[in-house]
């Protein structure tokens, strides 16, 4: 089969990636063999080229988000069958899904609803599941009324805005001026141009001095968010968490490592990836969440798409059609 690979341990640039003929992946007793139909492109894909995972063997197949058709199932798999449409977010320590076929742990897979295309399913995974985990796993929404989502034009940010709104919350977001037209279609309560406005001052105005109940931070520098939180506020960090826990205010701080569920060796956490994917895809099918695909590329343009992501030239989601 053809696959896009990092050929050697010294390969650290996108231009050095290669399409190679690779052996068909082995299918374990708890795995599903998928014929790839579409893959989602994510910033983590190009970041892993420059900073590879230490467990990789070379040539290493890239790619984390796949949607396709079940080709075969392992001996222990009862939830899926050949011909079924499925999708999932893979383990970055293993060979990935930028290939014609991929072997995938069945527990982390979800069926694709009939009204959802392969492209939409693939586009919903990494960013969508990160946002879903932030809103529906890490945060306690019971006392949350207001939410700040950083980087509302990004993959995680745009999905988190929609998920928080679907949960009935008032959502504010930070976004640069030239991306505000894109975010406006999501109808947040306010867009804060972080390059021109003081975010803390603006949030103080919007919340009448109370601060926001929940902040989802996908940009780093989490210490800056601590004074923006309301009493008993919650901060969910996609990247680093604050180095020092504040003792002067009662807040909750959480950190996300979505793919770490695979590497945890905890079957319950791997299975929760599958449950979250099912729930997220149902929201997509119900038209409550949209991954906002900006372009569907061909296989020949996959590396070009990664280069566009690396150069911060993409608003919305890039998907590659393998069919």
C-alpha atoms as a PDB file:
ATOM      1  CA  UNK A   1       0.000   0.000   0.000  1.00  0.00           C
ATOM      2  CA  UNK A   2       1.046   3.622  -0.477  1.00  0.00           C
ATOM      3  CA  UNK A   3       1.729   5.691   2.632  1.00  0.00           C
ATOM      4  CA  UNK A   4       3.236   9.085   3.450  1.00  0.00           C
ATOM      5  CA  UNK A   5       6.262   8.492   5.671  1.00  0.00           C
ATOM      6  CA  UNK A   6       8.982  10.187   7.631  1.00  0.00           C
ATOM      7  CA  UNK A   7      11.763   8.134   6.000  1.00  0.00           C
ATOM      8  CA  UNK A   8      14.510   8.375   8.665  1.00  0.00           C
ATOM      9  CA  UNK A   9      15.125   9.582  12.191  1.00  0.00           C
ATOM     10  CA  UNK A  10      17.036  12.551  10.754  1.00  0.00           C
ATOM     11  CA  UNK A  11      14.099  13.726   8.615  1.00  0.00           C
ATOM     12  CA  UNK A  12      12.703  16.900  10.154  1.00  0.00           C
ATOM     13  CA  UNK A  13      11.205  18.874   7.259  1.00  0.00           C
ATOM     14  CA  UNK A  14       7.960  18.502   5.363  1.00  0.00           C
ATOM     15  CA  UNK A  15       9.696  18.648   1.997  1.00  0.00           C
ATOM     16  CA  UNK A  16      11.617  15.480   2.902  1.00  0.00           C
ATOM     17  CA  UNK A  17       8.468  13.401   3.473  1.00  0.00           C
ATOM     18  CA  UNK A  18       7.981  10.593   0.961  1.00  0.00           C
ATOM     19  CA  UNK A  19       5.190   8.481  -0.444  1.00  0.00           C
ATOM     20  CA  UNK A  20       6.420   4.918  -0.229  1.00  0.00           C
ATOM     21  CA  UNK A  21       5.134   1.416  -0.797  1.00  0.00           C
ATOM     22  CA  UNK A  22       4.659  -0.067   2.676  1.00  0.00           C
ATOM     23  CA  UNK A  23       3.476  -3.485   3.919  1.00  0.00           C
ATOM     24  CA  UNK A  24      -0.165  -3.846   4.876  1.00  0.00           C
ATOM     25  CA  UNK A  25      -0.525  -3.178   8.611  1.00  0.00           C
ATOM     26  CA  UNK A  26      -0.934  -6.119  10.954  1.00  0.00           C
ATOM     27  CA  UNK A  27      -4.368  -6.455  12.550  1.00  0.00           C
ATOM     28  CA  UNK A  28      -4.323  -7.479  16.208  1.00  0.00           C
ATOM     29  CA  UNK A  29      -7.080  -9.371  17.977  1.00  0.00           C
ATOM     30  CA  UNK A  30      -8.588  -6.108  19.259  1.00  0.00           C
ATOM     31  CA  UNK A  31      -8.018  -4.084  16.086  1.00  0.00           C
ATOM     32  CA  UNK A  32      -9.883  -3.108  12.935  1.00  0.00           C
ATOM     33  CA  UNK A  33      -8.338  -2.787   9.469  1.00  0.00           C
ATOM     34  CA  UNK A  34      -9.671   0.344   7.761  1.00  0.00           C
ATOM     35  CA  UNK A  35      -9.540   1.236   4.076  1.00  0.00           C
ATOM     36  CA  UNK A  36      -8.860   4.958   4.222  1.00  0.00           C
ATOM     37  CA  UNK A  37     -11.381   7.284   2.568  1.00  0.00           C
ATOM     38  CA  UNK A  38     -10.463  10.635   4.142  1.00  0.00           C
ATOM     39  CA  UNK A  39      -7.974  12.028   6.659  1.00  0.00           C
ATOM     40  CA  UNK A  40      -7.933  15.252   8.638  1.00  0.00           C
ATOM     41  CA  UNK A  41      -4.836  17.448   8.774  1.00  0.00           C
ATOM     42  CA  UNK A  42      -3.776  18.900  12.116  1.00  0.00           C
ATOM     43  CA  UNK A  43      -0.960  21.138  13.387  1.00  0.00           C
ATOM     44  CA  UNK A  44       0.314  18.202  15.451  1.00  0.00           C
ATOM     45  CA  UNK A  45       1.086  16.362  12.196  1.00  0.00           C
ATOM     46  CA  UNK A  46       3.752  18.823  11.080  1.00  0.00           C
ATOM     47  CA  UNK A  47       4.954  19.386  14.653  1.00  0.00           C
ATOM     48  CA  UNK A  48       5.706  15.676  14.941  1.00  0.00           C
ATOM     49  CA  UNK A  49       7.911  15.883  11.862  1.00  0.00           C
ATOM     50  CA  UNK A  50      10.083  18.526  13.495  1.00  0.00           C
ATOM     51  CA  UNK A  51       9.926  16.878  16.956  1.00  0.00           C
ATOM     52  CA  UNK A  52       9.303  13.144  16.405  1.00  0.00           C
ATOM     53  CA  UNK A  53       8.000  10.782  19.048  1.00  0.00           C
ATOM     54  CA  UNK A  54      10.811   8.758  20.667  1.00  0.00           C
ATOM     55  CA  UNK A  55       8.984   5.449  20.113  1.00  0.00           C
ATOM     56  CA  UNK A  56       8.812   5.787  16.333  1.00  0.00           C
ATOM     57  CA  UNK A  57      10.342   3.206  14.039  1.00  0.00           C
ATOM     58  CA  UNK A  58      11.332   4.257  10.536  1.00  0.00           C
ATOM     59  CA  UNK A  59      10.026   4.699   7.967  1.00  0.00           C
ATOM     60  CA  UNK A  60       7.171   6.086  10.097  1.00  0.00           C
ATOM     61  CA  UNK A  61       3.679   6.644   8.650  1.00  0.00           C
ATOM     62  CA  UNK A  62       2.199  10.016   9.636  1.00  0.00           C
ATOM     63  CA  UNK A  63      -1.419  10.867  10.397  1.00  0.00           C
ATOM     64  CA  UNK A  64      -3.857  10.756  13.321  1.00  0.00           C
ATOM     65  CA  UNK A  65      -7.416  11.305  12.050  1.00  0.00           C
ATOM     66  CA  UNK A  66      -9.006   8.751   9.720  1.00  0.00           C
ATOM     67  CA  UNK A  67     -12.408   7.996   8.263  1.00  0.00           C
ATOM     68  CA  UNK A  68     -12.926   4.916   6.127  1.00  0.00           C
ATOM     69  CA  UNK A  69     -14.478   1.519   5.571  1.00  0.00           C
ATOM     70  CA  UNK A  70     -13.862  -1.543   7.714  1.00  0.00           C
ATOM     71  CA  UNK A  71     -11.905  -4.077   5.674  1.00  0.00           C
ATOM     72  CA  UNK A  72     -11.371  -6.735   8.374  1.00  0.00           C
ATOM     73  CA  UNK A  73     -11.678  -7.145  12.141  1.00  0.00           C
ATOM     74  CA  UNK A  74      -9.595  -8.920  14.778  1.00  0.00           C
ATOM     75  CA  UNK A  75     -10.744 -12.054  16.550  1.00  0.00           C
ATOM     76  CA  UNK A  76     -11.992 -10.199  19.636  1.00  0.00           C
ATOM     77  CA  UNK A  77     -13.883  -7.458  17.791  1.00  0.00           C
ATOM     78  CA  UNK A  78     -17.676  -7.730  17.872  1.00  0.00           C
ATOM     79  CA  UNK A  79     -18.803  -4.087  17.542  1.00  0.00           C
ATOM     80  CA  UNK A  80     -17.681  -3.576  13.945  1.00  0.00           C
ATOM     81  CA  UNK A  81     -17.979  -5.529  10.703  1.00  0.00           C
ATOM     82  CA  UNK A  82     -16.531  -5.332   7.171  1.00  0.00           C
ATOM     83  CA  UNK A  83     -18.170  -2.677   5.042  1.00  0.00           C
ATOM     84  CA  UNK A  84     -19.030  -0.413   7.989  1.00  0.00           C
ATOM     85  CA  UNK A  85     -18.182   3.303   7.854  1.00  0.00           C
ATOM     86  CA  UNK A  86     -15.990   4.269  10.831  1.00  0.00           C
ATOM     87  CA  UNK A  87     -13.614   6.961  12.056  1.00  0.00           C
ATOM     88  CA  UNK A  88     -11.221   7.625  14.926  1.00  0.00           C
ATOM     89  CA  UNK A  89      -8.274   9.510  16.390  1.00  0.00           C
ATOM     90  CA  UNK A  90      -5.130   7.368  16.445  1.00  0.00           C
ATOM     91  CA  UNK A  91      -2.079   6.870  18.664  1.00  0.00           C
ATOM     92  CA  UNK A  92       0.758   9.194  17.621  1.00  0.00           C
ATOM     93  CA  UNK A  93       3.357   6.705  18.889  1.00  0.00           C
ATOM     94  CA  UNK A  94       2.306   4.164  16.226  1.00  0.00           C
ATOM     95  CA  UNK A  95       2.224   4.227  12.442  1.00  0.00           C
ATOM     96  CA  UNK A  96      -0.587   6.547  11.401  1.00  0.00           C
ATOM     97  CA  UNK A  97      -3.327   6.926   8.848  1.00  0.00           C
ATOM     98  CA  UNK A  98      -1.804   8.846   5.927  1.00  0.00           C
ATOM     99  CA  UNK A  99      -1.953   5.538   4.108  1.00  0.00           C
ATOM    100  CA  UNK A 100      -4.327   3.488   2.017  1.00  0.00           C
ATOM    101  CA  UNK A 101      -4.983   1.165   4.969  1.00  0.00           C
ATOM    102  CA  UNK A 102      -4.609   1.588   8.725  1.00  0.00           C
ATOM    103  CA  UNK A 103      -4.919  -0.795  11.669  1.00  0.00           C
ATOM    104  CA  UNK A 104      -6.857   0.842  14.490  1.00  0.00           C
ATOM    105  CA  UNK A 105      -7.864  -0.201  18.042  1.00  0.00           C
ATOM    106  CA  UNK A 106     -11.559  -1.009  17.886  1.00  0.00           C
ATOM    107  CA  UNK A 107     -12.293   0.532  21.289  1.00  0.00           C
ATOM    108  CA  UNK A 108     -11.338   4.016  20.049  1.00  0.00           C
ATOM    109  CA  UNK A 109     -13.439   3.835  16.870  1.00  0.00           C
ATOM    110  CA  UNK A 110     -16.956   5.094  16.235  1.00  0.00           C
ATOM    111  CA  UNK A 111     -19.436   4.405  13.427  1.00  0.00           C
ATOM    112  CA  UNK A 112     -20.098   7.341  11.123  1.00  0.00           C
ATOM    113  CA  UNK A 113     -23.779   8.382  11.034  1.00  0.00           C
ATOM    114  CA  UNK A 114     -25.392   7.906   7.645  1.00  0.00           C
ATOM    115  CA  UNK A 115     -25.841  11.651   7.090  1.00  0.00           C
ATOM    116  CA  UNK A 116     -22.181  12.470   7.796  1.00  0.00           C
ATOM    117  CA  UNK A 117     -19.628  12.242   4.974  1.00  0.00           C
ATOM    118  CA  UNK A 118     -16.185  10.682   5.307  1.00  0.00           C
ATOM    119  CA  UNK A 119     -14.644  14.145   4.897  1.00  0.00           C
ATOM    120  CA  UNK A 120     -16.776  15.704   7.639  1.00  0.00           C
ATOM    121  CA  UNK A 121     -16.076  12.804   9.992  1.00  0.00           C
ATOM    122  CA  UNK A 122     -12.307  13.056   9.427  1.00  0.00           C
ATOM    123  CA  UNK A 123     -12.429  16.821   9.948  1.00  0.00           C
ATOM    124  CA  UNK A 124     -14.213  16.471  13.295  1.00  0.00           C
ATOM    125  CA  UNK A 125     -11.698  14.362  15.183  1.00  0.00           C
ATOM    126  CA  UNK A 126      -8.502  15.805  16.685  1.00  0.00           C
ATOM    127  CA  UNK A 127      -9.670  19.391  17.219  1.00  0.00           C
ATOM    128  CA  UNK A 128     -13.260  18.376  17.834  1.00  0.00           C
ATOM    129  CA  UNK A 129     -12.402  15.716  20.390  1.00  0.00           C
ATOM    130  CA  UNK A 130      -9.983  18.057  22.160  1.00  0.00           C
ATOM    131  CA  UNK A 131     -12.744  20.649  22.408  1.00  0.00           C
ATOM    132  CA  UNK A 132     -15.265  17.999  23.469  1.00  0.00           C
ATOM    133  CA  UNK A 133     -12.947  16.731  26.198  1.00  0.00           C
ATOM    134  CA  UNK A 134     -12.410  20.295  27.435  1.00  0.00           C
ATOM    135  CA  UNK A 135     -16.122  21.117  27.588  1.00  0.00           C
ATOM    136  CA  UNK A 136     -17.672  17.772  28.509  1.00  0.00           C
ATOM    137  CA  UNK A 137     -14.951  15.906  30.407  1.00  0.00           C
ATOM    138  CA  UNK A 138     -12.671  18.394  32.131  1.00  0.00           C
ATOM    139  CA  UNK A 139     -15.128  21.201  32.873  1.00  0.00           C
ATOM    140  CA  UNK A 140     -17.989  20.995  35.355  1.00  0.00           C
ATOM    141  CA  UNK A 141     -20.714  22.880  33.499  1.00  0.00           C
ATOM    142  CA  UNK A 142     -23.233  22.896  36.343  1.00  0.00           C
ATOM    143  CA  UNK A 143     -22.325  26.386  37.567  1.00  0.00           C
ATOM    144  CA  UNK A 144     -20.887  27.746  34.301  1.00  0.00           C
ATOM    145  CA  UNK A 145     -22.662  30.589  32.552  1.00  0.00           C
ATOM    146  CA  UNK A 146     -19.815  32.367  30.751  1.00  0.00           C
ATOM    147  CA  UNK A 147     -16.958  30.828  28.757  1.00  0.00           C
ATOM    148  CA  UNK A 148     -13.836  32.304  27.170  1.00  0.00           C
ATOM    149  CA  UNK A 149     -12.514  30.298  24.233  1.00  0.00           C
ATOM    150  CA  UNK A 150      -9.094  31.387  23.064  1.00  0.00           C
ATOM    151  CA  UNK A 151      -8.206  31.338  19.338  1.00  0.00           C
ATOM    152  CA  UNK A 152     -11.779  31.084  18.101  1.00  0.00           C
ATOM    153  CA  UNK A 153     -10.676  30.773  14.473  1.00  0.00           C
ATOM    154  CA  UNK A 154      -8.585  27.690  15.198  1.00  0.00           C
ATOM    155  CA  UNK A 155      -9.720  24.101  14.960  1.00  0.00           C
ATOM    156  CA  UNK A 156     -10.088  23.568  18.713  1.00  0.00           C
ATOM    157  CA  UNK A 157     -11.427  27.060  19.323  1.00  0.00           C
ATOM    158  CA  UNK A 158     -14.140  26.965  16.659  1.00  0.00           C
ATOM    159  CA  UNK A 159     -15.358  23.560  17.832  1.00  0.00           C
ATOM    160  CA  UNK A 160     -15.250  24.602  21.495  1.00  0.00           C
ATOM    161  CA  UNK A 161     -17.347  27.694  20.737  1.00  0.00           C
ATOM    162  CA  UNK A 162     -20.024  25.525  19.154  1.00  0.00           C
ATOM    163  CA  UNK A 163     -19.968  22.907  21.908  1.00  0.00           C
ATOM    164  CA  UNK A 164     -20.233  25.521  24.654  1.00  0.00           C
ATOM    165  CA  UNK A 165     -23.095  27.232  22.842  1.00  0.00           C
ATOM    166  CA  UNK A 166     -24.867  23.902  22.330  1.00  0.00           C
ATOM    167  CA  UNK A 167     -24.623  23.495  26.125  1.00  0.00           C
ATOM    168  CA  UNK A 168     -26.399  26.839  26.555  1.00  0.00           C
ATOM    169  CA  UNK A 169     -23.399  28.956  27.625  1.00  0.00           C
ATOM    170  CA  UNK A 170     -22.510  32.561  26.792  1.00  0.00           C
ATOM    171  CA  UNK A 171     -19.274  32.438  24.804  1.00  0.00           C
ATOM    172  CA  UNK A 172     -16.569  35.046  24.333  1.00  0.00           C
ATOM    173  CA  UNK A 173     -13.544  34.409  22.142  1.00  0.00           C
ATOM    174  CA  UNK A 174     -10.175  35.924  21.301  1.00  0.00           C
ATOM    175  CA  UNK A 175      -9.450  36.295  17.591  1.00  0.00           C
ATOM    176  CA  UNK A 176      -7.365  38.624  15.440  1.00  0.00           C
ATOM    177  CA  UNK A 177      -9.188  41.174  13.305  1.00  0.00           C
ATOM    178  CA  UNK A 178      -8.555  39.492   9.951  1.00  0.00           C
ATOM    179  CA  UNK A 179     -10.169  36.244  11.162  1.00  0.00           C
ATOM    180  CA  UNK A 180     -13.225  37.776  12.794  1.00  0.00           C
ATOM    181  CA  UNK A 181     -15.421  37.432   9.708  1.00  0.00           C
ATOM    182  CA  UNK A 182     -14.804  33.683   9.777  1.00  0.00           C
ATOM    183  CA  UNK A 183     -15.664  33.424  13.488  1.00  0.00           C
ATOM    184  CA  UNK A 184     -18.728  35.665  13.122  1.00  0.00           C
ATOM    185  CA  UNK A 185     -20.631  32.793  11.506  1.00  0.00           C
ATOM    186  CA  UNK A 186     -20.510  31.044  14.895  1.00  0.00           C
ATOM    187  CA  UNK A 187     -22.191  34.025  16.607  1.00  0.00           C
ATOM    188  CA  UNK A 188     -20.149  34.299  19.820  1.00  0.00           C
ATOM    189  CA  UNK A 189     -21.388  36.891  22.293  1.00  0.00           C
ATOM    190  CA  UNK A 190     -18.165  38.871  21.777  1.00  0.00           C
ATOM    191  CA  UNK A 191     -14.969  38.680  19.757  1.00  0.00           C
ATOM    192  CA  UNK A 192     -11.908  40.201  21.431  1.00  0.00           C
ATOM    193  CA  UNK A 193      -9.078  41.344  19.164  1.00  0.00           C
ATOM    194  CA  UNK A 194      -6.171  40.364  21.402  1.00  0.00           C
ATOM    195  CA  UNK A 195      -3.757  42.395  19.269  1.00  0.00           C
ATOM    196  CA  UNK A 196      -5.651  45.648  19.736  1.00  0.00           C
ATOM    197  CA  UNK A 197      -7.556  45.191  23.009  1.00  0.00           C
ATOM    198  CA  UNK A 198      -6.539  44.292  26.538  1.00  0.00           C
ATOM    199  CA  UNK A 199      -8.242  40.921  26.992  1.00  0.00           C
ATOM    200  CA  UNK A 200      -8.518  41.172  30.784  1.00  0.00           C
ATOM    201  CA  UNK A 201     -10.020  44.657  30.658  1.00  0.00           C
ATOM    202  CA  UNK A 202     -12.519  43.641  27.980  1.00  0.00           C
ATOM    203  CA  UNK A 203     -13.623  40.558  29.912  1.00  0.00           C
ATOM    204  CA  UNK A 204     -14.040  42.649  33.040  1.00  0.00           C
ATOM    205  CA  UNK A 205     -16.401  44.896  31.092  1.00  0.00           C
ATOM    206  CA  UNK A 206     -18.320  41.989  29.549  1.00  0.00           C
ATOM    207  CA  UNK A 207     -18.796  40.207  32.885  1.00  0.00           C
ATOM    208  CA  UNK A 208     -19.442  43.355  34.959  1.00  0.00           C
ATOM    209  CA  UNK A 209     -16.313  42.717  36.960  1.00  0.00           C
ATOM    210  CA  UNK A 210     -17.089  39.087  37.811  1.00  0.00           C
ATOM    211  CA  UNK A 211     -14.733  37.303  35.393  1.00  0.00           C
ATOM    212  CA  UNK A 212     -15.594  34.239  33.306  1.00  0.00           C
ATOM    213  CA  UNK A 213     -16.625  30.899  34.763  1.00  0.00           C
ATOM    214  CA  UNK A 214     -14.638  28.757  32.322  1.00  0.00           C
ATOM    215  CA  UNK A 215     -11.629  29.414  30.091  1.00  0.00           C
ATOM    216  CA  UNK A 216     -10.384  27.007  27.419  1.00  0.00           C
ATOM    217  CA  UNK A 217      -6.776  27.912  26.649  1.00  0.00           C
ATOM    218  CA  UNK A 218      -5.189  26.491  23.495  1.00  0.00           C
ATOM    219  CA  UNK A 219      -2.516  29.188  23.101  1.00  0.00           C
ATOM    220  CA  UNK A 220      -0.229  28.777  26.109  1.00  0.00           C
ATOM    221  CA  UNK A 221       0.722  31.460  28.683  1.00  0.00           C
ATOM    222  CA  UNK A 222      -2.013  30.197  31.033  1.00  0.00           C
ATOM    223  CA  UNK A 223      -0.933  32.406  33.927  1.00  0.00           C
ATOM    224  CA  UNK A 224      -2.490  35.358  32.098  1.00  0.00           C
ATOM    225  CA  UNK A 225      -5.896  33.683  32.373  1.00  0.00           C
ATOM    226  CA  UNK A 226      -5.909  33.282  36.153  1.00  0.00           C
ATOM    227  CA  UNK A 227      -7.018  36.880  36.945  1.00  0.00           C
ATOM    228  CA  UNK A 228      -9.725  36.561  34.271  1.00  0.00           C
ATOM    229  CA  UNK A 229     -11.518  33.764  36.120  1.00  0.00           C
ATOM    230  CA  UNK A 230     -14.604  34.260  38.219  1.00  0.00           C
ATOM    231  CA  UNK A 231     -14.803  33.016  41.787  1.00  0.00           C
ATOM    232  CA  UNK A 232     -14.715  29.183  41.597  1.00  0.00           C
ATOM    233  CA  UNK A 233     -13.722  29.521  37.942  1.00  0.00           C
ATOM    234  CA  UNK A 234     -12.210  26.760  35.828  1.00  0.00           C
ATOM    235  CA  UNK A 235      -9.218  26.837  33.483  1.00  0.00           C
ATOM    236  CA  UNK A 236      -8.734  24.018  30.968  1.00  0.00           C
ATOM    237  CA  UNK A 237      -5.312  24.029  29.278  1.00  0.00           C
ATOM    238  CA  UNK A 238      -4.645  22.335  25.942  1.00  0.00           C
ATOM    239  CA  UNK A 239      -0.921  23.075  26.192  1.00  0.00           C
ATOM    240  CA  UNK A 240       0.965  23.774  29.415  1.00  0.00           C
ATOM    241  CA  UNK A 241      -0.810  24.391  32.709  1.00  0.00           C
ATOM    242  CA  UNK A 242       0.284  27.227  35.024  1.00  0.00           C
ATOM    243  CA  UNK A 243       3.514  26.437  36.841  1.00  0.00           C
ATOM    244  CA  UNK A 244       2.144  27.714  40.139  1.00  0.00           C
ATOM    245  CA  UNK A 245      -1.311  26.984  41.488  1.00  0.00           C
ATOM    246  CA  UNK A 246      -2.899  30.196  42.822  1.00  0.00           C
ATOM    247  CA  UNK A 247      -3.541  30.046  46.553  1.00  0.00           C
ATOM    248  CA  UNK A 248      -5.444  33.302  46.768  1.00  0.00           C
ATOM    249  CA  UNK A 249      -8.435  32.221  44.655  1.00  0.00           C
ATOM    250  CA  UNK A 250     -10.544  29.027  44.572  1.00  0.00           C
ATOM    251  CA  UNK A 251     -10.106  27.852  40.983  1.00  0.00           C
ATOM    252  CA  UNK A 252      -9.893  24.514  39.180  1.00  0.00           C
ATOM    253  CA  UNK A 253      -7.108  23.888  36.649  1.00  0.00           C
ATOM    254  CA  UNK A 254      -7.131  20.969  34.214  1.00  0.00           C
ATOM    255  CA  UNK A 255      -4.852  19.895  31.385  1.00  0.00           C
ATOM    256  CA  UNK A 256      -5.713  17.901  28.267  1.00  0.00           C
ATOM    257  CA  UNK A 257      -3.653  15.231  26.519  1.00  0.00           C
ATOM    258  CA  UNK A 258      -6.166  13.706  24.126  1.00  0.00           C
ATOM    259  CA  UNK A 259      -3.957  11.100  22.476  1.00  0.00           C
ATOM    260  CA  UNK A 260      -2.382  10.230  25.801  1.00  0.00           C
ATOM    261  CA  UNK A 261      -5.370   7.953  26.362  1.00  0.00           C
ATOM    262  CA  UNK A 262      -3.809   5.515  23.862  1.00  0.00           C
ATOM    263  CA  UNK A 263      -0.445   5.608  25.591  1.00  0.00           C
ATOM    264  CA  UNK A 264      -1.896   5.328  29.090  1.00  0.00           C
ATOM    265  CA  UNK A 265      -2.553   1.597  28.541  1.00  0.00           C
ATOM    266  CA  UNK A 266      -5.848   2.218  30.367  1.00  0.00           C
ATOM    267  CA  UNK A 267      -8.640   0.428  28.451  1.00  0.00           C
ATOM    268  CA  UNK A 268     -11.315   2.656  29.992  1.00  0.00           C
ATOM    269  CA  UNK A 269      -9.598   5.785  28.686  1.00  0.00           C
ATOM    270  CA  UNK A 270      -9.138   4.323  25.200  1.00  0.00           C
ATOM    271  CA  UNK A 271     -12.805   3.341  25.160  1.00  0.00           C
ATOM    272  CA  UNK A 272     -13.748   6.872  26.180  1.00  0.00           C
ATOM    273  CA  UNK A 273     -12.140   8.127  22.974  1.00  0.00           C
ATOM    274  CA  UNK A 274     -14.684   5.985  21.129  1.00  0.00           C
ATOM    275  CA  UNK A 275     -17.566   7.240  23.294  1.00  0.00           C
ATOM    276  CA  UNK A 276     -16.587  10.871  22.804  1.00  0.00           C
ATOM    277  CA  UNK A 277     -16.292  10.327  19.056  1.00  0.00           C
ATOM    278  CA  UNK A 278     -19.778   8.829  18.915  1.00  0.00           C
ATOM    279  CA  UNK A 279     -21.249  11.744  20.879  1.00  0.00           C
ATOM    280  CA  UNK A 280     -19.419  14.346  18.820  1.00  0.00           C
ATOM    281  CA  UNK A 281     -20.468  12.797  15.506  1.00  0.00           C
ATOM    282  CA  UNK A 282     -24.084  12.762  16.667  1.00  0.00           C
ATOM    283  CA  UNK A 283     -23.856  16.494  17.340  1.00  0.00           C
ATOM    284  CA  UNK A 284     -22.436  16.897  13.831  1.00  0.00           C
ATOM    285  CA  UNK A 285     -25.249  14.769  12.380  1.00  0.00           C
ATOM    286  CA  UNK A 286     -27.778  16.881  14.305  1.00  0.00           C
ATOM    287  CA  UNK A 287     -26.187  20.015  12.773  1.00  0.00           C
ATOM    288  CA  UNK A 288     -25.323  21.420  16.189  1.00  0.00           C
ATOM    289  CA  UNK A 289     -21.587  21.344  15.426  1.00  0.00           C
ATOM    290  CA  UNK A 290     -19.758  21.908  12.135  1.00  0.00           C
ATOM    291  CA  UNK A 291     -16.005  21.262  11.708  1.00  0.00           C
ATOM    292  CA  UNK A 292     -15.919  24.109   9.159  1.00  0.00           C
ATOM    293  CA  UNK A 293     -14.015  22.474   6.316  1.00  0.00           C
ATOM    294  CA  UNK A 294     -12.265  25.118   4.238  1.00  0.00           C
ATOM    295  CA  UNK A 295     -10.786  22.804   1.601  1.00  0.00           C
ATOM    296  CA  UNK A 296     -10.781  19.160   0.553  1.00  0.00           C
ATOM    297  CA  UNK A 297      -7.435  18.200  -0.953  1.00  0.00           C
ATOM    298  CA  UNK A 298      -6.260  15.227  -2.978  1.00  0.00           C
ATOM    299  CA  UNK A 299      -3.545  12.861  -1.784  1.00  0.00           C
ATOM    300  CA  UNK A 300      -1.041  14.601  -4.042  1.00  0.00           C
ATOM    301  CA  UNK A 301      -1.618  17.842  -2.125  1.00  0.00           C
ATOM    302  CA  UNK A 302      -1.365  16.417   1.398  1.00  0.00           C
ATOM    303  CA  UNK A 303       2.125  17.773   2.076  1.00  0.00           C
ATOM    304  CA  UNK A 304       1.087  21.130   0.622  1.00  0.00           C
ATOM    305  CA  UNK A 305      -1.765  21.208   3.117  1.00  0.00           C
ATOM    306  CA  UNK A 306       0.613  20.495   6.000  1.00  0.00           C
ATOM    307  CA  UNK A 307       2.870  23.295   4.759  1.00  0.00           C
ATOM    308  CA  UNK A 308      -0.082  25.693   4.731  1.00  0.00           C
ATOM    309  CA  UNK A 309      -0.877  24.751   8.316  1.00  0.00           C
ATOM    310  CA  UNK A 310       2.742  25.246   9.323  1.00  0.00           C
ATOM    311  CA  UNK A 311       2.744  28.710   7.724  1.00  0.00           C
ATOM    312  CA  UNK A 312      -0.519  29.636   9.526  1.00  0.00           C
ATOM    313  CA  UNK A 313      -2.264  30.149   6.180  1.00  0.00           C
ATOM    314  CA  UNK A 314      -5.378  28.103   7.014  1.00  0.00           C
ATOM    315  CA  UNK A 315      -8.676  29.235   8.480  1.00  0.00           C
ATOM    316  CA  UNK A 316     -11.020  26.297   8.957  1.00  0.00           C
ATOM    317  CA  UNK A 317     -10.231  22.634   8.490  1.00  0.00           C
ATOM    318  CA  UNK A 318      -8.182  20.889   5.799  1.00  0.00           C
ATOM    319  CA  UNK A 319      -9.202  17.374   4.750  1.00  0.00           C
ATOM    320  CA  UNK A 320      -7.601  14.982   2.268  1.00  0.00           C
ATOM    321  CA  UNK A 321      -9.775  12.655   0.183  1.00  0.00           C
ATOM    322  CA  UNK A 322      -8.157   9.227  -0.371  1.00  0.00           C
ATOM    323  CA  UNK A 323     -10.930   7.767  -2.535  1.00  0.00           C
END
